[in-house]
mmCIF file of all heavy atoms, coordinates in Angstrom:
data_MODEL
# 
_entry.id   MODEL 
# 
loop_
_atom_site.group_PDB 
_atom_site.id 
_atom_site.type_symbol 
_atom_site.label_atom_id 
_atom_site.label_alt_id 
_atom_site.label_comp_id 
_atom_site.label_asym_id 
_atom_site.label_entity_id 
_atom_site.label_seq_id 
_atom_site.pdbx_PDB_ins_code 
_atom_site.Cartn_x 
_atom_site.Cartn_y 
_atom_site.Cartn_z 
_atom_site.occupancy 
_atom_site.B_iso_or_equiv 
_atom_site.pdbx_formal_charge 
_atom_site.auth_seq_id 
_atom_site.auth_comp_id 
_atom_site.auth_asym_id 
_atom_site.auth_atom_id 
_atom_site.pdbx_PDB_model_num 
ATOM 1   N N   . ARG A 1 1  ? 0.823  -1.202  0.000  1.00 0.00 ? 1  ARG A N   1 
ATOM 2   C CA  . ARG A 1 1  ? 0.000  0.000   0.000  1.00 0.00 ? 1  ARG A CA  1 
ATOM 3   C C   . ARG A 1 1  ? 0.868  1.266   0.000  1.00 0.00 ? 1  ARG A C   1 
ATOM 4   O O   . ARG A 1 1  ? 0.495  2.276   -0.601 1.00 0.00 ? 1  ARG A O   1 
ATOM 5   C CB  . ARG A 1 1  ? -0.943 -0.001  1.203  1.00 0.00 ? 1  ARG A CB  1 
ATOM 6   C CG  . ARG A 1 1  ? -1.948 -1.148  1.173  1.00 0.00 ? 1  ARG A CG  1 
ATOM 7   C CD  . ARG A 1 1  ? -3.046 -0.953  2.197  1.00 0.00 ? 1  ARG A CD  1 
ATOM 8   N NE  . ARG A 1 1  ? -3.805 0.263   1.921  1.00 0.00 ? 1  ARG A NE  1 
ATOM 9   C CZ  . ARG A 1 1  ? -4.739 0.375   0.978  1.00 0.00 ? 1  ARG A CZ  1 
ATOM 10  N NH1 . ARG A 1 1  ? -5.034 -0.671  0.206  1.00 0.00 ? 1  ARG A NH1 1 
ATOM 11  N NH2 . ARG A 1 1  ? -5.376 1.512   0.799  1.00 0.00 ? 1  ARG A NH2 1 
ATOM 12  N N   . LEU A 1 2  ? 2.031  1.208   0.634  1.00 0.00 ? 2  LEU A N   1 
ATOM 13  C CA  . LEU A 1 2  ? 2.936  2.356   0.593  1.00 0.00 ? 2  LEU A CA  1 
ATOM 14  C C   . LEU A 1 2  ? 3.445  2.589   -0.822 1.00 0.00 ? 2  LEU A C   1 
ATOM 15  O O   . LEU A 1 2  ? 3.501  3.730   -1.294 1.00 0.00 ? 2  LEU A O   1 
ATOM 16  C CB  . LEU A 1 2  ? 4.119  2.142   1.539  1.00 0.00 ? 2  LEU A CB  1 
ATOM 17  C CG  . LEU A 1 2  ? 5.158  3.260   1.540  1.00 0.00 ? 2  LEU A CG  1 
ATOM 18  C CD1 . LEU A 1 2  ? 4.548  4.583   1.999  1.00 0.00 ? 2  LEU A CD1 1 
ATOM 19  C CD2 . LEU A 1 2  ? 6.354  2.902   2.415  1.00 0.00 ? 2  LEU A CD2 1 
ATOM 20  N N   . GLN A 1 3  ? 3.817  1.531   -1.515 1.00 0.00 ? 3  GLN A N   1 
ATOM 21  C CA  . GLN A 1 3  ? 4.302  1.683   -2.889 1.00 0.00 ? 3  GLN A CA  1 
ATOM 22  C C   . GLN A 1 3  ? 3.216  2.283   -3.782 1.00 0.00 ? 3  GLN A C   1 
ATOM 23  O O   . GLN A 1 3  ? 3.490  3.164   -4.603 1.00 0.00 ? 3  GLN A O   1 
ATOM 24  C CB  . GLN A 1 3  ? 4.740  0.320   -3.433 1.00 0.00 ? 3  GLN A CB  1 
ATOM 25  C CG  . GLN A 1 3  ? 5.346  0.381   -4.831 1.00 0.00 ? 3  GLN A CG  1 
ATOM 26  C CD  . GLN A 1 3  ? 6.666  1.116   -4.877 1.00 0.00 ? 3  GLN A CD  1 
ATOM 27  O OE1 . GLN A 1 3  ? 7.643  0.695   -4.285 1.00 0.00 ? 3  GLN A OE1 1 
ATOM 28  N NE2 . GLN A 1 3  ? 6.685  2.250   -5.578 1.00 0.00 ? 3  GLN A NE2 1 
ATOM 29  N N   . LYS A 1 4  ? 1.993  1.825   -3.621 1.00 0.00 ? 4  LYS A N   1 
ATOM 30  C CA  . LYS A 1 4  ? 0.880  2.359   -4.406 1.00 0.00 ? 4  LYS A CA  1 
ATOM 31  C C   . LYS A 1 4  ? 0.680  3.845   -4.120 1.00 0.00 ? 4  LYS A C   1 
ATOM 32  O O   . LYS A 1 4  ? 0.506  4.651   -5.046 1.00 0.00 ? 4  LYS A O   1 
ATOM 33  C CB  . LYS A 1 4  ? -0.402 1.588   -4.081 1.00 0.00 ? 4  LYS A CB  1 
ATOM 34  C CG  . LYS A 1 4  ? -1.642 2.125   -4.790 1.00 0.00 ? 4  LYS A CG  1 
ATOM 35  C CD  . LYS A 1 4  ? -2.890 1.358   -4.367 1.00 0.00 ? 4  LYS A CD  1 
ATOM 36  C CE  . LYS A 1 4  ? -4.139 1.958   -5.008 1.00 0.00 ? 4  LYS A CE  1 
ATOM 37  N NZ  . LYS A 1 4  ? -5.380 1.246   -4.567 1.00 0.00 ? 4  LYS A NZ  1 
ATOM 38  N N   . ALA A 1 5  ? 0.721  4.233   -2.854 1.00 0.00 ? 5  ALA A N   1 
ATOM 39  C CA  . ALA A 1 5  ? 0.540  5.639   -2.483 1.00 0.00 ? 5  ALA A CA  1 
ATOM 40  C C   . ALA A 1 5  ? 1.656  6.509   -3.047 1.00 0.00 ? 5  ALA A C   1 
ATOM 41  O O   . ALA A 1 5  ? 1.426  7.642   -3.475 1.00 0.00 ? 5  ALA A O   1 
ATOM 42  C CB  . ALA A 1 5  ? 0.482  5.777   -0.966 1.00 0.00 ? 5  ALA A CB  1 
ATOM 43  N N   . ALA A 1 6  ? 2.883  5.972   -3.042 1.00 0.00 ? 6  ALA A N   1 
ATOM 44  C CA  . ALA A 1 6  ? 4.015  6.715   -3.598 1.00 0.00 ? 6  ALA A CA  1 
ATOM 45  C C   . ALA A 1 6  ? 3.871  6.868   -5.110 1.00 0.00 ? 6  ALA A C   1 
ATOM 46  O O   . ALA A 1 6  ? 4.124  7.947   -5.663 1.00 0.00 ? 6  ALA A O   1 
ATOM 47  C CB  . ALA A 1 6  ? 5.315  6.000   -3.259 1.00 0.00 ? 6  ALA A CB  1 
ATOM 48  N N   . ASP A 1 7  ? 3.462  5.802   -5.776 1.00 0.00 ? 7  ASP A N   1 
ATOM 49  C CA  . ASP A 1 7  ? 3.284  5.851   -7.236 1.00 0.00 ? 7  ASP A CA  1 
ATOM 50  C C   . ASP A 1 7  ? 2.221  6.873   -7.628 1.00 0.00 ? 7  ASP A C   1 
ATOM 51  O O   . ASP A 1 7  ? 2.346  7.553   -8.659 1.00 0.00 ? 7  ASP A O   1 
ATOM 52  C CB  . ASP A 1 7  ? 2.890  4.475   -7.776 1.00 0.00 ? 7  ASP A CB  1 
ATOM 53  C CG  . ASP A 1 7  ? 4.003  3.446   -7.664 1.00 0.00 ? 7  ASP A CG  1 
ATOM 54  O OD1 . ASP A 1 7  ? 5.170  3.863   -7.491 1.00 0.00 ? 7  ASP A OD1 1 
ATOM 55  O OD2 . ASP A 1 7  ? 3.708  2.239   -7.731 1.00 0.00 ? 7  ASP A OD2 1 
ATOM 56  N N   . MET A 1 8  ? 1.187  7.001   -6.816 1.00 0.00 ? 8  MET A N   1 
ATOM 57  C CA  . MET A 1 8  ? 0.087  7.925   -7.103 1.00 0.00 ? 8  MET A CA  1 
ATOM 58  C C   . MET A 1 8  ? 0.337  9.321   -6.526 1.00 0.00 ? 8  MET A C   1 
ATOM 59  O O   . MET A 1 8  ? -0.493 10.213  -6.702 1.00 0.00 ? 8  MET A O   1 
ATOM 60  C CB  . MET A 1 8  ? -1.219 7.365   -6.540 1.00 0.00 ? 8  MET A CB  1 
ATOM 61  C CG  . MET A 1 8  ? -1.670 6.064   -7.183 1.00 0.00 ? 8  MET A CG  1 
ATOM 62  S SD  . MET A 1 8  ? -3.246 5.465   -6.493 1.00 0.00 ? 8  MET A SD  1 
ATOM 63  C CE  . MET A 1 8  ? -4.375 6.749   -7.077 1.00 0.00 ? 8  MET A CE  1 
ATOM 64  N N   . LYS A 1 9  ? 1.486  9.484   -5.837 1.00 0.00 ? 9  LYS A N   1 
ATOM 65  C CA  . LYS A 1 9  ? 1.840  10.766  -5.221 1.00 0.00 ? 9  LYS A CA  1 
ATOM 66  C C   . LYS A 1 9  ? 0.738  11.258  -4.279 1.00 0.00 ? 9  LYS A C   1 
ATOM 67  O O   . LYS A 1 9  ? 0.296  12.406  -4.339 1.00 0.00 ? 9  LYS A O   1 
ATOM 68  C CB  . LYS A 1 9  ? 2.152  11.815  -6.292 1.00 0.00 ? 9  LYS A CB  1 
ATOM 69  C CG  . LYS A 1 9  ? 3.378  11.490  -7.120 1.00 0.00 ? 9  LYS A CG  1 
ATOM 70  C CD  . LYS A 1 9  ? 3.666  12.555  -8.157 1.00 0.00 ? 9  LYS A CD  1 
ATOM 71  C CE  . LYS A 1 9  ? 5.019  12.352  -8.823 1.00 0.00 ? 9  LYS A CE  1 
ATOM 72  N NZ  . LYS A 1 9  ? 5.178  11.023  -9.436 1.00 0.00 ? 9  LYS A NZ  1 
ATOM 73  N N   . LEU A 1 10 ? 0.330  10.372  -3.357 1.00 0.00 ? 10 LEU A N   1 
ATOM 74  C CA  . LEU A 1 10 ? -0.717 10.701  -2.403 1.00 0.00 ? 10 LEU A CA  1 
ATOM 75  C C   . LEU A 1 10 ? -0.174 11.319  -1.129 1.00 0.00 ? 10 LEU A C   1 
ATOM 76  O O   . LEU A 1 10 ? -0.844 12.146  -0.494 1.00 0.00 ? 10 LEU A O   1 
ATOM 77  C CB  . LEU A 1 10 ? -1.511 9.434   -2.035 1.00 0.00 ? 10 LEU A CB  1 
ATOM 78  C CG  . LEU A 1 10 ? -2.119 8.638   -3.178 1.00 0.00 ? 10 LEU A CG  1 
ATOM 79  C CD1 . LEU A 1 10 ? -2.829 7.401   -2.631 1.00 0.00 ? 10 LEU A CD1 1 
ATOM 80  C CD2 . LEU A 1 10 ? -3.084 9.498   -3.986 1.00 0.00 ? 10 LEU A CD2 1 
ATOM 81  N N   . ILE A 1 11 ? 1.024  10.909  -0.702 1.00 0.00 ? 11 ILE A N   1 
ATOM 82  C CA  . ILE A 1 11 ? 1.598  11.332  0.578  1.00 0.00 ? 11 ILE A CA  1 
ATOM 83  C C   . ILE A 1 11 ? 3.099  11.522  0.422  1.00 0.00 ? 11 ILE A C   1 
ATOM 84  O O   . ILE A 1 11 ? 3.694  11.080  -0.567 1.00 0.00 ? 11 ILE A O   1 
ATOM 85  C CB  . ILE A 1 11 ? 1.342  10.284  1.681  1.00 0.00 ? 11 ILE A CB  1 
ATOM 86  C CG1 . ILE A 1 11 ? 1.933  8.923   1.257  1.00 0.00 ? 11 ILE A CG1 1 
ATOM 87  C CG2 . ILE A 1 11 ? -0.142 10.160  1.999  1.00 0.00 ? 11 ILE A CG2 1 
ATOM 88  C CD1 . ILE A 1 11 ? 1.979  7.894   2.343  1.00 0.00 ? 11 ILE A CD1 1 
ATOM 89  N N   . ASN A 1 12 ? 3.708  12.159  1.412  1.00 0.00 ? 12 ASN A N   1 
ATOM 90  C CA  . ASN A 1 12 ? 5.175  12.209  1.458  1.00 0.00 ? 12 ASN A CA  1 
ATOM 91  C C   . ASN A 1 12 ? 5.715  11.722  2.802  1.00 0.00 ? 12 ASN A C   1 
ATOM 92  O O   . ASN A 1 12 ? 6.908  11.768  3.047  1.00 0.00 ? 12 ASN A O   1 
ATOM 93  C CB  . ASN A 1 12 ? 5.689  13.629  1.175  1.00 0.00 ? 12 ASN A CB  1 
ATOM 94  C CG  . ASN A 1 12 ? 5.165  14.659  2.161  1.00 0.00 ? 12 ASN A CG  1 
ATOM 95  O OD1 . ASN A 1 12 ? 4.652  14.322  3.229  1.00 0.00 ? 12 ASN A OD1 1 
ATOM 96  N ND2 . ASN A 1 12 ? 5.275  15.923  1.803  1.00 0.00 ? 12 ASN A ND2 1 
ATOM 97  N N   . SER A 1 13 ? 4.789  11.250  3.664  1.00 0.00 ? 13 SER A N   1 
ATOM 98  C CA  . SER A 1 13 ? 5.175  10.769  4.996  1.00 0.00 ? 13 SER A CA  1 
ATOM 99  C C   . SER A 1 13 ? 4.238  9.625   5.386  1.00 0.00 ? 13 SER A C   1 
ATOM 100 O O   . SER A 1 13 ? 3.079  9.587   4.957  1.00 0.00 ? 13 SER A O   1 
ATOM 101 C CB  . SER A 1 13 ? 5.071  11.889  6.040  1.00 0.00 ? 13 SER A CB  1 
ATOM 102 O OG  . SER A 1 13 ? 5.807  13.032  5.632  1.00 0.00 ? 13 SER A OG  1 
ATOM 103 N N   . VAL A 1 14 ? 4.758  8.721   6.232  1.00 0.00 ? 14 VAL A N   1 
ATOM 104 C CA  . VAL A 1 14 ? 3.956  7.562   6.609  1.00 0.00 ? 14 VAL A CA  1 
ATOM 105 C C   . VAL A 1 14 ? 4.093  7.285   8.100  1.00 0.00 ? 14 VAL A C   1 
ATOM 106 O O   . VAL A 1 14 ? 5.172  7.429   8.678  1.00 0.00 ? 14 VAL A O   1 
ATOM 107 C CB  . VAL A 1 14 ? 4.362  6.314   5.792  1.00 0.00 ? 14 VAL A CB  1 
ATOM 108 C CG1 . VAL A 1 14 ? 5.812  5.920   6.060  1.00 0.00 ? 14 VAL A CG1 1 
ATOM 109 C CG2 . VAL A 1 14 ? 3.428  5.141   6.057  1.00 0.00 ? 14 VAL A CG2 1 
ATOM 110 N N   . LEU A 1 15 ? 2.964  6.925   8.719  1.00 0.00 ? 15 LEU A N   1 
ATOM 111 C CA  . LEU A 1 15 ? 2.970  6.506   10.118 1.00 0.00 ? 15 LEU A CA  1 
ATOM 112 C C   . LEU A 1 15 ? 3.208  5.001   10.170 1.00 0.00 ? 15 LEU A C   1 
ATOM 113 O O   . LEU A 1 15 ? 2.625  4.242   9.392  1.00 0.00 ? 15 LEU A O   1 
ATOM 114 C CB  . LEU A 1 15 ? 1.626  6.827   10.767 1.00 0.00 ? 15 LEU A CB  1 
ATOM 115 C CG  . LEU A 1 15 ? 1.656  7.307   12.214 1.00 0.00 ? 15 LEU A CG  1 
ATOM 116 C CD1 . LEU A 1 15 ? 2.303  8.680   12.282 1.00 0.00 ? 15 LEU A CD1 1 
ATOM 117 C CD2 . LEU A 1 15 ? 0.250  7.371   12.796 1.00 0.00 ? 15 LEU A CD2 1 
ATOM 118 N N   . LEU A 1 16 ? 4.091  4.577   11.071 1.00 0.00 ? 16 LEU A N   1 
ATOM 119 C CA  . LEU A 1 16 ? 4.383  3.152   11.231 1.00 0.00 ? 16 LEU A CA  1 
ATOM 120 C C   . LEU A 1 16 ? 3.968  2.702   12.623 1.00 0.00 ? 16 LEU A C   1 
ATOM 121 O O   . LEU A 1 16 ? 4.433  3.230   13.621 1.00 0.00 ? 16 LEU A O   1 
ATOM 122 C CB  . LEU A 1 16 ? 5.875  2.879   11.007 1.00 0.00 ? 16 LEU A CB  1 
ATOM 123 C CG  . LEU A 1 16 ? 6.407  3.183   9.612  1.00 0.00 ? 16 LEU A CG  1 
ATOM 124 C CD1 . LEU A 1 16 ? 7.895  2.840   9.518  1.00 0.00 ? 16 LEU A CD1 1 
ATOM 125 C CD2 . LEU A 1 16 ? 5.635  2.441   8.538  1.00 0.00 ? 16 LEU A CD2 1 
ATOM 126 N N   . LYS A 1 17 ? 3.080  1.706   12.666 1.00 0.00 ? 17 LYS A N   1 
ATOM 127 C CA  . LYS A 1 17 ? 2.573  1.146   13.918 1.00 0.00 ? 17 LYS A CA  1 
ATOM 128 C C   . LYS A 1 17 ? 2.781  -0.362  13.869 1.00 0.00 ? 17 LYS A C   1 
ATOM 129 O O   . LYS A 1 17 ? 2.211  -1.036  13.000 1.00 0.00 ? 17 LYS A O   1 
ATOM 130 C CB  . LYS A 1 17 ? 1.085  1.464   14.088 1.00 0.00 ? 17 LYS A CB  1 
ATOM 131 C CG  . LYS A 1 17 ? 0.755  2.944   14.171 1.00 0.00 ? 17 LYS A CG  1 
ATOM 132 C CD  . LYS A 1 17 ? -0.753 3.153   14.183 1.00 0.00 ? 17 LYS A CD  1 
ATOM 133 C CE  . LYS A 1 17 ? -1.109 4.625   14.361 1.00 0.00 ? 17 LYS A CE  1 
ATOM 134 N NZ  . LYS A 1 17 ? -2.578 4.845   14.283 1.00 0.00 ? 17 LYS A NZ  1 
ATOM 135 N N   . PRO A 1 18 ? 3.565  -0.911  14.782 1.00 0.00 ? 18 PRO A N   1 
ATOM 136 C CA  . PRO A 1 18 ? 3.891  -2.343  14.709 1.00 0.00 ? 18 PRO A CA  1 
ATOM 137 C C   . PRO A 1 18 ? 2.696  -3.262  14.608 1.00 0.00 ? 18 PRO A C   1 
ATOM 138 O O   . PRO A 1 18 ? 2.704  -4.230  13.837 1.00 0.00 ? 18 PRO A O   1 
ATOM 139 C CB  . PRO A 1 18 ? 4.675  -2.586  16.004 1.00 0.00 ? 18 PRO A CB  1 
ATOM 140 C CG  . PRO A 1 18 ? 5.333  -1.263  16.282 1.00 0.00 ? 18 PRO A CG  1 
ATOM 141 C CD  . PRO A 1 18 ? 4.326  -0.235  15.858 1.00 0.00 ? 18 PRO A CD  1 
ATOM 142 N N   . ASN A 1 19 ? 1.615  -2.974  15.333 1.00 0.00 ? 19 ASN A N   1 
ATOM 143 C CA  . ASN A 1 19 ? 0.512  -3.935  15.335 1.00 0.00 ? 19 ASN A CA  1 
ATOM 144 C C   . ASN A 1 19 ? -0.300 -3.915  14.044 1.00 0.00 ? 19 ASN A C   1 
ATOM 145 O O   . ASN A 1 19 ? -1.127 -4.789  13.801 1.00 0.00 ? 19 ASN A O   1 
ATOM 146 C CB  . ASN A 1 19 ? -0.416 -3.697  16.535 1.00 0.00 ? 19 ASN A CB  1 
ATOM 147 C CG  . ASN A 1 19 ? -1.497 -2.688  16.253 1.00 0.00 ? 19 ASN A CG  1 
ATOM 148 O OD1 . ASN A 1 19 ? -1.216 -1.548  15.863 1.00 0.00 ? 19 ASN A OD1 1 
ATOM 149 N ND2 . ASN A 1 19 ? -2.739 -3.086  16.448 1.00 0.00 ? 19 ASN A ND2 1 
ATOM 150 N N   . GLN A 1 20 ? -0.060 -2.933  13.184 1.00 0.00 ? 20 GLN A N   1 
ATOM 151 C CA  . GLN A 1 20 ? -0.801 -2.890  11.927 1.00 0.00 ? 20 GLN A CA  1 
ATOM 152 C C   . GLN A 1 20 ? -0.351 -3.962  10.944 1.00 0.00 ? 20 GLN A C   1 
ATOM 153 O O   . GLN A 1 20 ? -1.108 -4.336  10.048 1.00 0.00 ? 20 GLN A O   1 
ATOM 154 C CB  . GLN A 1 20 ? -0.638 -1.517  11.265 1.00 0.00 ? 20 GLN A CB  1 
ATOM 155 C CG  . GLN A 1 20 ? -1.418 -0.403  11.933 1.00 0.00 ? 20 GLN A CG  1 
ATOM 156 C CD  . GLN A 1 20 ? -1.253 0.921   11.225 1.00 0.00 ? 20 GLN A CD  1 
ATOM 157 O OE1 . GLN A 1 20 ? -0.220 1.203   10.619 1.00 0.00 ? 20 GLN A OE1 1 
ATOM 158 N NE2 . GLN A 1 20 ? -2.282 1.741   11.288 1.00 0.00 ? 20 GLN A NE2 1 
ATOM 159 N N   . ILE A 1 21 ? 0.865  -4.472  11.099 1.00 0.00 ? 21 ILE A N   1 
ATOM 160 C CA  . ILE A 1 21 ? 1.391  -5.416  10.131 1.00 0.00 ? 21 ILE A CA  1 
ATOM 161 C C   . ILE A 1 21 ? 1.696  -6.781  10.728 1.00 0.00 ? 21 ILE A C   1 
ATOM 162 O O   . ILE A 1 21 ? 1.582  -7.803  10.066 1.00 0.00 ? 21 ILE A O   1 
ATOM 163 C CB  . ILE A 1 21 ? 2.644  -4.837  9.405  1.00 0.00 ? 21 ILE A CB  1 
ATOM 164 C CG1 . ILE A 1 21 ? 3.034  -5.686  8.210  1.00 0.00 ? 21 ILE A CG1 1 
ATOM 165 C CG2 . ILE A 1 21 ? 3.795  -4.658  10.375 1.00 0.00 ? 21 ILE A CG2 1 
ATOM 166 C CD1 . ILE A 1 21 ? 2.004  -5.727  7.114  1.00 0.00 ? 21 ILE A CD1 1 
ATOM 167 N N   . GLY A 1 22 ? 2.129  -6.854  11.990 1.00 0.00 ? 22 GLY A N   1 
ATOM 168 C CA  . GLY A 1 22 ? 2.208  -8.143  12.663 1.00 0.00 ? 22 GLY A CA  1 
ATOM 169 C C   . GLY A 1 22 ? 3.578  -8.703  12.972 1.00 0.00 ? 22 GLY A C   1 
ATOM 170 O O   . GLY A 1 22 ? 3.725  -9.453  13.923 1.00 0.00 ? 22 GLY A O   1 
ATOM 171 N N   . THR A 1 23 ? 4.613  -8.367  12.187 1.00 0.00 ? 23 THR A N   1 
ATOM 172 C CA  . THR A 1 23 ? 5.964  -8.841  12.518 1.00 0.00 ? 23 THR A CA  1 
ATOM 173 C C   . THR A 1 23 ? 6.965  -7.708  12.334 1.00 0.00 ? 23 THR A C   1 
ATOM 174 O O   . THR A 1 23 ? 6.759  -6.803  11.525 1.00 0.00 ? 23 THR A O   1 
ATOM 175 C CB  . THR A 1 23 ? 6.409  -10.034 11.639 1.00 0.00 ? 23 THR A CB  1 
ATOM 176 O OG1 . THR A 1 23 ? 6.621  -9.595  10.288 1.00 0.00 ? 23 THR A OG1 1 
ATOM 177 C CG2 . THR A 1 23 ? 5.399  -11.168 11.672 1.00 0.00 ? 23 THR A CG2 1 
ATOM 178 N N   . ILE A 1 24 ? 8.051  -7.799  13.073 1.00 0.00 ? 24 ILE A N   1 
ATOM 179 C CA  . ILE A 1 24 ? 9.074  -6.760  13.022 1.00 0.00 ? 24 ILE A CA  1 
ATOM 180 C C   . ILE A 1 24 ? 9.798  -6.759  11.675 1.00 0.00 ? 24 ILE A C   1 
ATOM 181 O O   . ILE A 1 24 ? 10.132 -5.699  11.136 1.00 0.00 ? 24 ILE A O   1 
ATOM 182 C CB  . ILE A 1 24 ? 10.076 -6.934  14.182 1.00 0.00 ? 24 ILE A CB  1 
ATOM 183 C CG1 . ILE A 1 24 ? 9.333  -6.803  15.522 1.00 0.00 ? 24 ILE A CG1 1 
ATOM 184 C CG2 . ILE A 1 24 ? 11.191 -5.914  14.090 1.00 0.00 ? 24 ILE A CG2 1 
ATOM 185 C CD1 . ILE A 1 24 ? 8.524  -5.539  15.688 1.00 0.00 ? 24 ILE A CD1 1 
ATOM 186 N N   . SER A 1 25 ? 10.037 -7.923  11.108 1.00 0.00 ? 25 SER A N   1 
ATOM 187 C CA  . SER A 1 25 ? 10.719 -7.986  9.811  1.00 0.00 ? 25 SER A CA  1 
ATOM 188 C C   . SER A 1 25 ? 9.927  -7.261  8.730  1.00 0.00 ? 25 SER A C   1 
ATOM 189 O O   . SER A 1 25 ? 10.492 -6.528  7.906  1.00 0.00 ? 25 SER A O   1 
ATOM 190 C CB  . SER A 1 25 ? 10.954 -9.439  9.393  1.00 0.00 ? 25 SER A CB  1 
ATOM 191 O OG  . SER A 1 25 ? 11.856 -10.068 10.259 1.00 0.00 ? 25 SER A OG  1 
ATOM 192 N N   . GLU A 1 26 ? 8.611  -7.441  8.724  1.00 0.00 ? 26 GLU A N   1 
ATOM 193 C CA  . GLU A 1 26 ? 7.777  -6.740  7.745  1.00 0.00 ? 26 GLU A CA  1 
ATOM 194 C C   . GLU A 1 26 ? 7.809  -5.239  7.983  1.00 0.00 ? 26 GLU A C   1 
ATOM 195 O O   . GLU A 1 26 ? 7.805  -4.441  7.034  1.00 0.00 ? 26 GLU A O   1 
ATOM 196 C CB  . GLU A 1 26 ? 6.349  -7.252  7.815  1.00 0.00 ? 26 GLU A CB  1 
ATOM 197 C CG  . GLU A 1 26 ? 6.160  -8.664  7.294  1.00 0.00 ? 26 GLU A CG  1 
ATOM 198 C CD  . GLU A 1 26 ? 4.767  -9.187  7.575  1.00 0.00 ? 26 GLU A CD  1 
ATOM 199 O OE1 . GLU A 1 26 ? 4.474  -9.465  8.758  1.00 0.00 ? 26 GLU A OE1 1 
ATOM 200 O OE2 . GLU A 1 26 ? 3.987  -9.312  6.615  1.00 0.00 ? 26 GLU A OE2 1 
# 
């Protein structure tokens, strides 16, 4: 979803919350 937002020039900053994705590696 970040890549899609960047391609569409929707944002220039992103919030990162560990529980939104589930693992630290991701």
